[in-house]
Amino acid sequence: MTGPDPNKIYPNENIRQLVYIKNVVTRPNIIVGDYTYYDDDEGAERFEEHVTHHYEFLGDKLIIGKFCAIAKGVEFIMNGANHRMGSVSTYPFNIMGGSWEKFAPELGELPFKGDTVVGNDVWIGQNAVILPGVHIGDGAIIGANSVVGSNVEPYSVVAGNPARLLRRRFDDETIGLLSRLKWWDKDIDEINRLIPILTCCDIEKVKAELKKMIQT
């Protein structure tokens, strides 16, 4: 069994609204793993347009893992959107030009939240907004139209504005086994063999199979 080619823009030529993101990004400060896709019938190839205020001089990165599913309209807002908050006014006088340019803040005076990191096997629903510096754990689900301003634990479901925990996807033991397995880091032949388990809804059966695999 062979899967789709991770180095193609379109994994399925019949579904051209869906692209593998790593093959369409051009910015060095966006790093995306294999098989992660963006789905947008209005131009999935323009994923970078949905990563805003991302300036190289700030040094922040957007890092997205493997096998993530990112729906139409998802926005990643990066650190360049932040205004100085310690001063009386938050207005960016300096970028308006003229004599106001001399009032440019030092980089250290600007709020900086660090890299935005999305783990592996994460599903982000349509029109969600991810704010600067957020870390989203492996296996998490982000509900449509959510605004995510704080970190999301692995295998949790969050939704809302601001996004709040709705539930954990599995019990602690199952999450622990999946976190140890890290199936997304396996070679593609092994992933092919794992697909029957990865697509199984009988969690007790899955748990038993994972235990056998990890023990061996």
N, C-alpha and C. Protein backbone atom coordinates (compact mmCIF):
# COMPACT_ATOMS: atom_id res chain seq x y z
N MET A 1 0.84 -1.19 0.00
CA MET A 1 0.00 0.00 0.00
C MET A 1 0.88 1.24 0.00
N THR A 2 0.59 2.16 -0.89
CA THR A 2 1.33 3.41 -0.94
C THR A 2 0.38 4.57 -0.70
N GLY A 3 0.83 5.56 0.03
CA GLY A 3 0.02 6.73 0.30
C GLY A 3 0.31 7.84 -0.70
N PRO A 4 -0.29 9.01 -0.49
CA PRO A 4 -0.04 10.15 -1.36
C PRO A 4 1.39 10.66 -1.21
N ASP A 5 1.87 11.32 -2.24
CA ASP A 5 3.22 11.88 -2.25
C ASP A 5 3.24 13.16 -1.41
N PRO A 6 4.00 13.21 -0.29
CA PRO A 6 4.00 14.40 0.55
C PRO A 6 4.69 15.60 -0.09
N ASN A 7 5.34 15.38 -1.22
CA ASN A 7 6.07 16.47 -1.89
C ASN A 7 5.27 17.10 -3.03
N LYS A 8 4.02 16.67 -3.18
CA LYS A 8 3.15 17.29 -4.17
C LYS A 8 2.35 18.42 -3.53
N ILE A 9 1.98 19.41 -4.34
CA ILE A 9 1.11 20.47 -3.83
C ILE A 9 -0.28 19.91 -3.55
N TYR A 10 -0.83 19.16 -4.51
CA TYR A 10 -2.18 18.61 -4.37
C TYR A 10 -2.07 17.11 -4.11
N PRO A 11 -2.41 16.64 -2.91
CA PRO A 11 -2.34 15.19 -2.65
C PRO A 11 -3.31 14.42 -3.52
N ASN A 12 -4.44 15.04 -3.85
CA ASN A 12 -5.44 14.41 -4.72
C ASN A 12 -5.74 15.41 -5.83
N GLU A 13 -5.35 15.11 -7.04
CA GLU A 13 -5.53 16.04 -8.15
C GLU A 13 -6.99 16.36 -8.43
N ASN A 14 -7.89 15.53 -7.92
CA ASN A 14 -9.32 15.78 -8.11
C ASN A 14 -9.91 16.70 -7.04
N ILE A 15 -9.10 17.04 -6.03
CA ILE A 15 -9.57 17.94 -4.96
C ILE A 15 -8.55 19.07 -4.83
N ARG A 16 -8.60 20.01 -5.75
CA ARG A 16 -7.58 21.04 -5.82
C ARG A 16 -7.82 22.21 -4.86
N GLN A 17 -8.82 22.08 -4.00
CA GLN A 17 -9.00 23.07 -2.94
C GLN A 17 -8.17 22.69 -1.71
N LEU A 18 -7.47 21.57 -1.80
CA LEU A 18 -6.72 21.04 -0.68
C LEU A 18 -5.25 20.92 -1.08
N VAL A 19 -4.36 21.55 -0.29
CA VAL A 19 -2.93 21.51 -0.60
C VAL A 19 -2.13 21.06 0.61
N TYR A 20 -0.99 20.44 0.33
CA TYR A 20 -0.01 20.20 1.38
C TYR A 20 0.75 21.51 1.60
N ILE A 21 0.62 22.07 2.79
CA ILE A 21 1.09 23.44 3.04
C ILE A 21 2.59 23.59 2.82
N LYS A 22 3.37 22.60 3.22
CA LYS A 22 4.83 22.77 3.15
C LYS A 22 5.30 23.02 1.72
N ASN A 23 4.48 22.63 0.74
CA ASN A 23 4.88 22.77 -0.66
C ASN A 23 4.41 24.07 -1.30
N VAL A 24 3.72 24.92 -0.52
CA VAL A 24 3.28 26.21 -1.07
C VAL A 24 3.82 27.40 -0.29
N VAL A 25 4.42 27.18 0.88
CA VAL A 25 4.95 28.31 1.64
C VAL A 25 6.33 28.71 1.10
N THR A 26 6.61 29.99 1.19
CA THR A 26 7.90 30.52 0.72
C THR A 26 8.68 31.19 1.82
N ARG A 27 8.04 31.56 2.91
CA ARG A 27 8.73 32.27 3.99
C ARG A 27 9.58 31.30 4.80
N PRO A 28 10.82 31.68 5.10
CA PRO A 28 11.66 30.79 5.91
C PRO A 28 11.20 30.69 7.36
N ASN A 29 10.36 31.62 7.80
CA ASN A 29 9.91 31.59 9.20
C ASN A 29 8.57 30.86 9.36
N ILE A 30 8.16 30.11 8.33
CA ILE A 30 7.02 29.20 8.44
C ILE A 30 7.54 27.79 8.16
N ILE A 31 7.40 26.91 9.13
CA ILE A 31 7.91 25.54 9.03
C ILE A 31 6.74 24.58 9.21
N VAL A 32 6.51 23.71 8.22
CA VAL A 32 5.34 22.83 8.24
C VAL A 32 5.78 21.40 7.93
N GLY A 33 5.23 20.44 8.66
CA GLY A 33 5.57 19.04 8.48
C GLY A 33 4.83 18.38 7.33
N ASP A 34 5.26 17.17 7.01
CA ASP A 34 4.65 16.39 5.93
C ASP A 34 3.17 16.11 6.21
N TYR A 35 2.40 16.07 5.13
CA TYR A 35 1.00 15.66 5.11
C TYR A 35 0.04 16.65 5.79
N THR A 36 0.53 17.75 6.29
CA THR A 36 -0.36 18.76 6.85
C THR A 36 -0.99 19.55 5.71
N TYR A 37 -2.31 19.69 5.74
CA TYR A 37 -2.99 20.33 4.62
C TYR A 37 -3.82 21.54 5.04
N TYR A 38 -4.07 22.40 4.04
CA TYR A 38 -4.99 23.52 4.17
C TYR A 38 -6.07 23.34 3.12
N ASP A 39 -7.33 23.53 3.52
CA ASP A 39 -8.47 23.29 2.64
C ASP A 39 -9.23 24.60 2.44
N ASP A 40 -9.21 25.12 1.22
CA ASP A 40 -9.86 26.41 0.94
C ASP A 40 -10.23 26.47 -0.53
N ASP A 41 -11.51 26.49 -0.82
CA ASP A 41 -11.95 26.49 -2.22
C ASP A 41 -11.75 27.84 -2.90
N GLU A 42 -11.27 28.84 -2.15
CA GLU A 42 -11.00 30.16 -2.73
C GLU A 42 -9.51 30.41 -2.92
N GLY A 43 -8.72 29.35 -2.81
CA GLY A 43 -7.30 29.51 -3.06
C GLY A 43 -6.42 28.97 -1.94
N ALA A 44 -6.39 27.65 -1.82
CA ALA A 44 -5.60 27.03 -0.76
C ALA A 44 -4.11 27.30 -0.93
N GLU A 45 -3.68 27.57 -2.17
CA GLU A 45 -2.26 27.82 -2.43
C GLU A 45 -1.78 29.10 -1.75
N ARG A 46 -2.72 29.96 -1.34
CA ARG A 46 -2.36 31.24 -0.73
C ARG A 46 -2.40 31.17 0.80
N PHE A 47 -2.03 30.03 1.34
CA PHE A 47 -2.05 29.85 2.80
C PHE A 47 -1.30 30.96 3.51
N GLU A 48 -0.18 31.41 2.97
CA GLU A 48 0.64 32.43 3.65
C GLU A 48 -0.12 33.73 3.90
N GLU A 49 -1.15 34.00 3.10
CA GLU A 49 -1.94 35.21 3.32
C GLU A 49 -2.70 35.14 4.65
N HIS A 50 -2.81 33.95 5.20
CA HIS A 50 -3.53 33.77 6.47
C HIS A 50 -2.57 33.75 7.67
N VAL A 51 -1.30 34.06 7.41
CA VAL A 51 -0.31 34.22 8.48
C VAL A 51 0.08 35.69 8.46
N THR A 52 -0.51 36.48 9.34
CA THR A 52 -0.42 37.93 9.24
C THR A 52 0.54 38.53 10.27
N HIS A 53 1.03 39.74 9.94
CA HIS A 53 1.94 40.49 10.83
C HIS A 53 3.18 39.66 11.18
N HIS A 54 3.71 39.02 10.17
CA HIS A 54 4.83 38.09 10.38
C HIS A 54 6.08 38.70 9.75
N TYR A 55 6.88 39.37 10.57
CA TYR A 55 8.02 40.12 10.08
C TYR A 55 9.32 39.45 10.51
N GLU A 56 10.22 39.25 9.54
CA GLU A 56 11.45 38.52 9.83
C GLU A 56 12.29 39.19 10.92
N PHE A 57 12.27 40.52 11.00
CA PHE A 57 13.13 41.19 11.98
C PHE A 57 12.71 40.89 13.43
N LEU A 58 11.48 40.42 13.62
CA LEU A 58 11.05 40.04 14.97
C LEU A 58 11.56 38.66 15.36
N GLY A 59 11.75 37.79 14.36
CA GLY A 59 12.36 36.49 14.62
C GLY A 59 11.41 35.39 15.04
N ASP A 60 10.10 35.67 15.09
CA ASP A 60 9.19 34.60 15.51
C ASP A 60 8.87 33.68 14.34
N LYS A 61 8.60 32.42 14.67
CA LYS A 61 8.30 31.41 13.67
C LYS A 61 6.90 30.84 13.88
N LEU A 62 6.29 30.42 12.79
CA LEU A 62 5.11 29.57 12.85
C LEU A 62 5.56 28.16 12.53
N ILE A 63 5.39 27.26 13.49
CA ILE A 63 5.84 25.87 13.35
C ILE A 63 4.62 24.96 13.47
N ILE A 64 4.36 24.20 12.42
CA ILE A 64 3.21 23.30 12.39
C ILE A 64 3.71 21.89 12.13
N GLY A 65 3.23 20.93 12.90
CA GLY A 65 3.70 19.56 12.79
C GLY A 65 3.12 18.81 11.60
N LYS A 66 3.17 17.50 11.68
CA LYS A 66 2.73 16.62 10.60
C LYS A 66 1.27 16.23 10.77
N PHE A 67 0.64 15.89 9.64
CA PHE A 67 -0.71 15.32 9.62
C PHE A 67 -1.75 16.23 10.28
N CYS A 68 -1.58 17.54 10.14
CA CYS A 68 -2.59 18.47 10.65
C CYS A 68 -3.61 18.79 9.57
N ALA A 69 -4.83 19.10 9.99
CA ALA A 69 -5.92 19.46 9.08
C ALA A 69 -6.37 20.88 9.42
N ILE A 70 -6.15 21.81 8.49
CA ILE A 70 -6.45 23.22 8.75
C ILE A 70 -7.52 23.67 7.77
N ALA A 71 -8.64 24.12 8.31
CA ALA A 71 -9.81 24.45 7.50
C ALA A 71 -9.74 25.87 6.95
N LYS A 72 -10.63 26.13 6.04
CA LYS A 72 -10.73 27.43 5.37
C LYS A 72 -10.86 28.58 6.37
N GLY A 73 -10.16 29.67 6.09
CA GLY A 73 -10.32 30.88 6.87
C GLY A 73 -9.58 30.94 8.18
N VAL A 74 -8.80 29.91 8.52
CA VAL A 74 -8.01 29.95 9.75
C VAL A 74 -6.95 31.03 9.63
N GLU A 75 -6.80 31.84 10.69
CA GLU A 75 -5.83 32.93 10.69
C GLU A 75 -4.81 32.72 11.81
N PHE A 76 -3.55 32.86 11.46
CA PHE A 76 -2.48 32.87 12.45
C PHE A 76 -1.98 34.31 12.56
N ILE A 77 -2.22 34.94 13.70
CA ILE A 77 -1.77 36.30 13.92
C ILE A 77 -0.44 36.24 14.68
N MET A 78 0.59 36.82 14.10
CA MET A 78 1.93 36.70 14.67
C MET A 78 2.29 37.95 15.48
N ASN A 79 3.49 37.94 16.05
CA ASN A 79 3.87 38.96 17.03
C ASN A 79 3.91 40.38 16.48
N GLY A 80 4.05 40.54 15.17
CA GLY A 80 4.08 41.88 14.60
C GLY A 80 2.78 42.65 14.77
N ALA A 81 1.71 41.96 15.17
CA ALA A 81 0.44 42.64 15.40
C ALA A 81 0.40 43.34 16.75
N ASN A 82 1.33 43.01 17.64
CA ASN A 82 1.30 43.56 18.99
C ASN A 82 1.77 45.01 19.02
N HIS A 83 1.08 45.85 19.78
CA HIS A 83 1.46 47.24 19.98
C HIS A 83 2.06 47.40 21.38
N ARG A 84 2.87 48.43 21.53
CA ARG A 84 3.43 48.74 22.85
C ARG A 84 2.29 49.11 23.80
N MET A 85 2.25 48.47 24.97
CA MET A 85 1.17 48.70 25.92
C MET A 85 1.60 49.44 27.18
N GLY A 86 2.92 49.56 27.37
CA GLY A 86 3.40 50.24 28.57
C GLY A 86 3.35 51.75 28.47
N SER A 87 3.21 52.29 27.26
CA SER A 87 3.14 53.74 27.07
C SER A 87 1.69 54.21 27.21
N VAL A 88 1.53 55.53 27.32
CA VAL A 88 0.19 56.09 27.49
C VAL A 88 -0.72 55.71 26.33
N SER A 89 -0.21 55.82 25.09
CA SER A 89 -0.99 55.47 23.91
C SER A 89 -0.44 54.21 23.27
N THR A 90 -1.34 53.39 22.76
CA THR A 90 -0.92 52.20 22.02
C THR A 90 -0.77 52.49 20.53
N TYR A 91 -1.04 53.70 20.09
CA TYR A 91 -1.01 54.04 18.67
C TYR A 91 0.42 53.98 18.12
N PRO A 92 0.64 53.33 16.97
CA PRO A 92 2.00 53.21 16.41
C PRO A 92 2.38 54.45 15.59
N PHE A 93 2.63 55.55 16.26
CA PHE A 93 2.94 56.80 15.57
C PHE A 93 4.06 56.64 14.55
N ASN A 94 5.08 55.88 14.90
CA ASN A 94 6.30 55.82 14.09
C ASN A 94 6.09 55.27 12.69
N ILE A 95 5.12 54.35 12.51
CA ILE A 95 4.97 53.73 11.19
C ILE A 95 4.19 54.62 10.23
N MET A 96 3.70 55.78 10.72
CA MET A 96 2.95 56.67 9.86
C MET A 96 3.85 57.61 9.06
N GLY A 97 5.15 57.59 9.36
CA GLY A 97 6.09 58.37 8.57
C GLY A 97 6.27 59.79 9.09
N GLY A 98 7.02 60.56 8.31
CA GLY A 98 7.30 61.94 8.68
C GLY A 98 8.11 62.02 9.97
N SER A 99 7.92 63.12 10.69
CA SER A 99 8.70 63.33 11.92
C SER A 99 8.34 62.34 13.01
N TRP A 100 7.21 61.61 12.85
CA TRP A 100 6.82 60.64 13.86
C TRP A 100 7.72 59.41 13.87
N GLU A 101 8.48 59.20 12.81
CA GLU A 101 9.34 58.01 12.74
C GLU A 101 10.33 57.93 13.90
N LYS A 102 10.73 59.08 14.44
CA LYS A 102 11.74 59.08 15.51
C LYS A 102 11.20 58.51 16.82
N PHE A 103 9.89 58.25 16.87
CA PHE A 103 9.31 57.71 18.10
C PHE A 103 9.14 56.19 18.04
N ALA A 104 9.92 55.55 17.19
CA ALA A 104 9.86 54.08 17.08
C ALA A 104 10.28 53.43 18.38
N PRO A 105 9.51 52.47 18.87
CA PRO A 105 9.90 51.76 20.10
C PRO A 105 11.06 50.81 19.84
N GLU A 106 11.81 50.52 20.88
CA GLU A 106 12.80 49.46 20.81
C GLU A 106 12.08 48.11 20.76
N LEU A 107 12.73 47.14 20.12
CA LEU A 107 12.08 45.82 20.04
C LEU A 107 11.72 45.28 21.42
N GLY A 108 12.58 45.54 22.39
CA GLY A 108 12.34 45.04 23.74
C GLY A 108 11.15 45.68 24.42
N GLU A 109 10.66 46.79 23.87
CA GLU A 109 9.49 47.45 24.45
C GLU A 109 8.17 46.90 23.90
N LEU A 110 8.26 46.08 22.86
CA LEU A 110 7.06 45.51 22.25
C LEU A 110 6.72 44.16 22.89
N PRO A 111 5.45 43.88 23.09
CA PRO A 111 5.07 42.55 23.61
C PRO A 111 5.53 41.47 22.63
N PHE A 112 6.17 40.44 23.15
CA PHE A 112 6.67 39.36 22.30
C PHE A 112 6.34 38.04 22.96
N LYS A 113 5.54 37.23 22.29
CA LYS A 113 5.06 35.97 22.86
C LYS A 113 5.83 34.75 22.38
N GLY A 114 6.82 34.94 21.50
CA GLY A 114 7.59 33.82 21.01
C GLY A 114 6.94 33.13 19.82
N ASP A 115 7.46 31.95 19.49
CA ASP A 115 6.97 31.19 18.34
C ASP A 115 5.54 30.68 18.57
N THR A 116 4.81 30.56 17.50
CA THR A 116 3.51 29.88 17.52
C THR A 116 3.74 28.45 17.05
N VAL A 117 3.32 27.48 17.86
CA VAL A 117 3.65 26.08 17.58
C VAL A 117 2.37 25.24 17.60
N VAL A 118 2.14 24.54 16.51
CA VAL A 118 1.02 23.59 16.41
C VAL A 118 1.63 22.20 16.35
N GLY A 119 1.16 21.29 17.19
CA GLY A 119 1.72 19.94 17.23
C GLY A 119 1.32 19.12 16.01
N ASN A 120 1.31 17.83 16.18
CA ASN A 120 0.99 16.88 15.11
C ASN A 120 -0.45 16.39 15.25
N ASP A 121 -1.06 16.04 14.11
CA ASP A 121 -2.42 15.47 14.11
C ASP A 121 -3.42 16.42 14.78
N VAL A 122 -3.28 17.71 14.52
CA VAL A 122 -4.18 18.72 15.08
C VAL A 122 -5.21 19.10 14.01
N TRP A 123 -6.46 19.24 14.42
CA TRP A 123 -7.53 19.69 13.53
C TRP A 123 -7.98 21.07 13.97
N ILE A 124 -7.86 22.04 13.06
CA ILE A 124 -8.26 23.42 13.35
C ILE A 124 -9.46 23.76 12.48
N GLY A 125 -10.60 24.04 13.12
CA GLY A 125 -11.85 24.28 12.40
C GLY A 125 -11.91 25.63 11.71
N GLN A 126 -12.87 25.75 10.83
CA GLN A 126 -13.00 26.90 9.94
C GLN A 126 -13.07 28.23 10.70
N ASN A 127 -12.30 29.20 10.19
CA ASN A 127 -12.30 30.58 10.69
C ASN A 127 -11.77 30.75 12.11
N ALA A 128 -11.09 29.75 12.63
CA ALA A 128 -10.45 29.92 13.93
C ALA A 128 -9.30 30.92 13.81
N VAL A 129 -9.01 31.61 14.91
CA VAL A 129 -7.91 32.58 14.97
C VAL A 129 -6.94 32.12 16.05
N ILE A 130 -5.67 31.99 15.68
CA ILE A 130 -4.63 31.57 16.61
C ILE A 130 -3.76 32.80 16.90
N LEU A 131 -3.69 33.21 18.15
CA LEU A 131 -2.97 34.42 18.53
C LEU A 131 -1.48 34.14 18.75
N PRO A 132 -0.65 35.18 18.82
CA PRO A 132 0.80 35.00 18.88
C PRO A 132 1.26 34.16 20.07
N GLY A 133 2.23 33.31 19.81
CA GLY A 133 2.89 32.56 20.87
C GLY A 133 2.15 31.38 21.43
N VAL A 134 0.99 31.06 20.87
CA VAL A 134 0.21 29.92 21.37
C VAL A 134 0.88 28.61 20.99
N HIS A 135 0.82 27.63 21.89
CA HIS A 135 1.28 26.27 21.63
C HIS A 135 0.07 25.34 21.71
N ILE A 136 -0.17 24.60 20.63
CA ILE A 136 -1.29 23.66 20.56
C ILE A 136 -0.72 22.25 20.55
N GLY A 137 -1.14 21.42 21.50
CA GLY A 137 -0.57 20.10 21.66
C GLY A 137 -1.03 19.11 20.60
N ASP A 138 -0.29 18.00 20.51
CA ASP A 138 -0.61 16.92 19.57
C ASP A 138 -2.06 16.45 19.76
N GLY A 139 -2.72 16.16 18.64
CA GLY A 139 -4.03 15.54 18.70
C GLY A 139 -5.16 16.44 19.15
N ALA A 140 -4.91 17.73 19.30
CA ALA A 140 -5.96 18.65 19.76
C ALA A 140 -6.94 18.98 18.64
N ILE A 141 -8.12 19.42 19.04
CA ILE A 141 -9.15 19.89 18.10
C ILE A 141 -9.54 21.30 18.50
N ILE A 142 -9.52 22.22 17.52
CA ILE A 142 -9.90 23.61 17.75
C ILE A 142 -11.23 23.85 17.02
N GLY A 143 -12.27 24.23 17.75
CA GLY A 143 -13.59 24.42 17.15
C GLY A 143 -13.63 25.59 16.18
N ALA A 144 -14.55 25.52 15.23
CA ALA A 144 -14.72 26.59 14.26
C ALA A 144 -15.01 27.92 14.95
N ASN A 145 -14.46 29.00 14.39
CA ASN A 145 -14.68 30.37 14.87
C ASN A 145 -14.08 30.64 16.25
N SER A 146 -13.24 29.76 16.73
CA SER A 146 -12.60 29.97 18.03
C SER A 146 -11.49 31.00 17.94
N VAL A 147 -11.23 31.67 19.06
CA VAL A 147 -10.09 32.57 19.18
C VAL A 147 -9.20 31.98 20.27
N VAL A 148 -8.03 31.49 19.86
CA VAL A 148 -7.15 30.74 20.77
C VAL A 148 -6.03 31.66 21.23
N GLY A 149 -6.08 32.06 22.50
CA GLY A 149 -5.09 32.98 23.04
C GLY A 149 -4.20 32.37 24.09
N SER A 150 -4.44 31.11 24.45
CA SER A 150 -3.61 30.43 25.44
C SER A 150 -3.34 29.01 24.98
N ASN A 151 -2.36 28.37 25.60
CA ASN A 151 -1.91 27.05 25.16
C ASN A 151 -3.03 26.01 25.28
N VAL A 152 -2.97 25.02 24.39
CA VAL A 152 -3.96 23.95 24.34
C VAL A 152 -3.26 22.63 24.62
N GLU A 153 -3.77 21.87 25.57
CA GLU A 153 -3.16 20.60 25.95
C GLU A 153 -3.37 19.54 24.86
N PRO A 154 -2.46 18.56 24.78
CA PRO A 154 -2.62 17.49 23.79
C PRO A 154 -3.96 16.76 23.96
N TYR A 155 -4.53 16.36 22.86
CA TYR A 155 -5.75 15.56 22.81
C TYR A 155 -6.90 16.20 23.61
N SER A 156 -7.01 17.52 23.50
CA SER A 156 -8.14 18.20 24.11
C SER A 156 -8.95 18.89 23.02
N VAL A 157 -10.20 19.19 23.34
CA VAL A 157 -11.10 19.89 22.43
C VAL A 157 -11.41 21.25 23.03
N VAL A 158 -11.11 22.31 22.30
CA VAL A 158 -11.39 23.66 22.78
C VAL A 158 -12.25 24.39 21.75
N ALA A 159 -13.04 25.35 22.24
CA ALA A 159 -13.87 26.15 21.34
C ALA A 159 -14.29 27.42 22.07
N GLY A 160 -14.70 28.42 21.27
CA GLY A 160 -15.23 29.64 21.83
C GLY A 160 -14.29 30.83 21.69
N ASN A 161 -14.75 31.96 22.17
CA ASN A 161 -13.98 33.20 22.16
C ASN A 161 -14.10 33.85 23.54
N PRO A 162 -13.04 33.72 24.36
CA PRO A 162 -11.80 32.99 24.10
C PRO A 162 -12.03 31.48 24.16
N ALA A 163 -11.17 30.73 23.48
CA ALA A 163 -11.31 29.28 23.45
C ALA A 163 -11.15 28.69 24.85
N ARG A 164 -12.07 27.82 25.20
CA ARG A 164 -12.06 27.14 26.50
C ARG A 164 -12.10 25.63 26.30
N LEU A 165 -11.57 24.92 27.28
CA LEU A 165 -11.58 23.45 27.21
C LEU A 165 -13.01 22.94 27.30
N LEU A 166 -13.40 22.13 26.32
CA LEU A 166 -14.70 21.46 26.36
C LEU A 166 -14.58 20.07 26.97
N ARG A 167 -13.57 19.34 26.52
CA ARG A 167 -13.34 18.01 27.05
C ARG A 167 -12.00 17.50 26.56
N ARG A 168 -11.54 16.45 27.18
CA ARG A 168 -10.38 15.72 26.67
C ARG A 168 -10.89 14.61 25.77
N ARG A 169 -10.16 14.31 24.72
CA ARG A 169 -10.65 13.35 23.74
C ARG A 169 -10.66 11.93 24.27
N PHE A 170 -9.68 11.59 25.10
CA PHE A 170 -9.54 10.22 25.60
C PHE A 170 -9.15 10.26 27.07
N ASP A 171 -9.15 9.08 27.68
CA ASP A 171 -8.71 8.98 29.08
C ASP A 171 -7.19 9.12 29.16
N ASP A 172 -6.69 9.31 30.38
CA ASP A 172 -5.26 9.57 30.58
C ASP A 172 -4.39 8.45 30.02
N GLU A 173 -4.82 7.20 30.19
CA GLU A 173 -4.00 6.07 29.74
C GLU A 173 -3.86 6.09 28.22
N THR A 174 -4.97 6.32 27.52
CA THR A 174 -4.92 6.35 26.05
C THR A 174 -4.06 7.51 25.57
N ILE A 175 -4.22 8.68 26.17
CA ILE A 175 -3.40 9.83 25.78
C ILE A 175 -1.93 9.54 26.01
N GLY A 176 -1.63 8.91 27.13
CA GLY A 176 -0.24 8.56 27.42
C GLY A 176 0.35 7.61 26.40
N LEU A 177 -0.44 6.60 26.00
CA LEU A 177 0.03 5.64 25.00
C LEU A 177 0.26 6.31 23.66
N LEU A 178 -0.67 7.18 23.25
CA LEU A 178 -0.51 7.88 21.97
C LEU A 178 0.69 8.82 22.00
N SER A 179 0.91 9.46 23.14
CA SER A 179 2.05 10.37 23.26
C SER A 179 3.37 9.62 23.20
N ARG A 180 3.38 8.39 23.69
CA ARG A 180 4.59 7.57 23.60
C ARG A 180 4.78 7.01 22.19
N LEU A 181 3.69 6.67 21.54
CA LEU A 181 3.77 6.07 20.21
C LEU A 181 4.31 7.07 19.18
N LYS A 182 3.82 8.31 19.22
CA LYS A 182 4.23 9.34 18.24
C LYS A 182 4.18 8.78 16.81
N TRP A 183 3.00 8.31 16.44
CA TRP A 183 2.88 7.60 15.17
C TRP A 183 3.30 8.45 13.97
N TRP A 184 3.14 9.74 14.06
CA TRP A 184 3.46 10.64 12.95
C TRP A 184 4.94 10.67 12.62
N ASP A 185 5.78 10.22 13.57
CA ASP A 185 7.22 10.19 13.33
C ASP A 185 7.70 8.86 12.74
N LYS A 186 6.81 7.89 12.59
CA LYS A 186 7.18 6.60 12.01
C LYS A 186 7.42 6.75 10.51
N ASP A 187 8.12 5.77 9.92
CA ASP A 187 8.26 5.81 8.47
C ASP A 187 6.92 5.46 7.83
N ILE A 188 6.78 5.81 6.56
CA ILE A 188 5.47 5.71 5.92
C ILE A 188 4.96 4.28 5.83
N ASP A 189 5.86 3.29 5.71
CA ASP A 189 5.41 1.90 5.68
C ASP A 189 4.75 1.51 6.99
N GLU A 190 5.34 1.96 8.10
CA GLU A 190 4.75 1.64 9.39
C GLU A 190 3.45 2.40 9.60
N ILE A 191 3.39 3.64 9.16
CA ILE A 191 2.14 4.40 9.26
C ILE A 191 1.04 3.70 8.47
N ASN A 192 1.39 3.20 7.28
CA ASN A 192 0.39 2.45 6.49
C ASN A 192 -0.16 1.27 7.27
N ARG A 193 0.72 0.58 7.99
CA ARG A 193 0.26 -0.57 8.78
C ARG A 193 -0.58 -0.12 9.98
N LEU A 194 -0.35 1.09 10.45
CA LEU A 194 -1.06 1.59 11.62
C LEU A 194 -2.43 2.18 11.29
N ILE A 195 -2.69 2.48 10.03
CA ILE A 195 -3.93 3.17 9.67
C ILE A 195 -5.19 2.45 10.19
N PRO A 196 -5.28 1.11 10.15
CA PRO A 196 -6.47 0.47 10.72
C PRO A 196 -6.68 0.81 12.19
N ILE A 197 -5.60 0.98 12.93
CA ILE A 197 -5.72 1.36 14.34
C ILE A 197 -6.06 2.85 14.47
N LEU A 198 -5.41 3.68 13.65
CA LEU A 198 -5.61 5.13 13.73
C LEU A 198 -7.03 5.54 13.33
N THR A 199 -7.71 4.69 12.58
CA THR A 199 -9.07 5.01 12.13
C THR A 199 -10.13 4.20 12.89
N CYS A 200 -9.73 3.52 13.94
CA CYS A 200 -10.65 2.68 14.72
C CYS A 200 -11.30 3.51 15.83
N CYS A 201 -12.63 3.36 16.00
CA CYS A 201 -13.36 4.09 17.05
C CYS A 201 -13.55 3.26 18.33
N ASP A 202 -13.11 2.00 18.31
CA ASP A 202 -13.18 1.16 19.51
C ASP A 202 -11.92 1.44 20.34
N ILE A 203 -12.03 2.37 21.27
CA ILE A 203 -10.85 2.86 21.98
C ILE A 203 -10.23 1.78 22.86
N GLU A 204 -11.03 0.89 23.41
CA GLU A 204 -10.47 -0.19 24.22
C GLU A 204 -9.62 -1.11 23.36
N LYS A 205 -10.08 -1.39 22.16
CA LYS A 205 -9.30 -2.20 21.22
C LYS A 205 -8.01 -1.47 20.83
N VAL A 206 -8.14 -0.18 20.56
CA VAL A 206 -6.96 0.61 20.21
C VAL A 206 -5.94 0.58 21.35
N LYS A 207 -6.43 0.75 22.56
CA LYS A 207 -5.55 0.77 23.72
C LYS A 207 -4.79 -0.55 23.85
N ALA A 208 -5.48 -1.65 23.65
CA ALA A 208 -4.83 -2.96 23.75
C ALA A 208 -3.76 -3.12 22.68
N GLU A 209 -4.05 -2.67 21.46
CA GLU A 209 -3.08 -2.77 20.39
C GLU A 209 -1.87 -1.87 20.65
N LEU A 210 -2.11 -0.68 21.15
CA LEU A 210 -1.00 0.23 21.45
C LEU A 210 -0.09 -0.33 22.54
N LYS A 211 -0.69 -0.94 23.54
CA LYS A 211 0.11 -1.54 24.60
C LYS A 211 1.03 -2.63 24.05
N LYS A 212 0.49 -3.45 23.15
CA LYS A 212 1.32 -4.52 22.56
C LYS A 212 2.46 -3.93 21.74
N MET A 213 2.17 -2.89 20.98
CA MET A 213 3.20 -2.28 20.14
C MET A 213 4.31 -1.63 20.96
N ILE A 214 3.89 -0.93 22.01
CA ILE A 214 4.88 -0.21 22.82
C ILE A 214 5.74 -1.18 23.61
N GLN A 215 5.15 -2.29 24.08
CA GLN A 215 5.90 -3.28 24.84
C GLN A 215 6.94 -3.99 23.99
N THR A 216 6.66 -4.11 22.70
CA THR A 216 7.61 -4.78 21.81
C THR A 216 8.61 -3.77 21.28
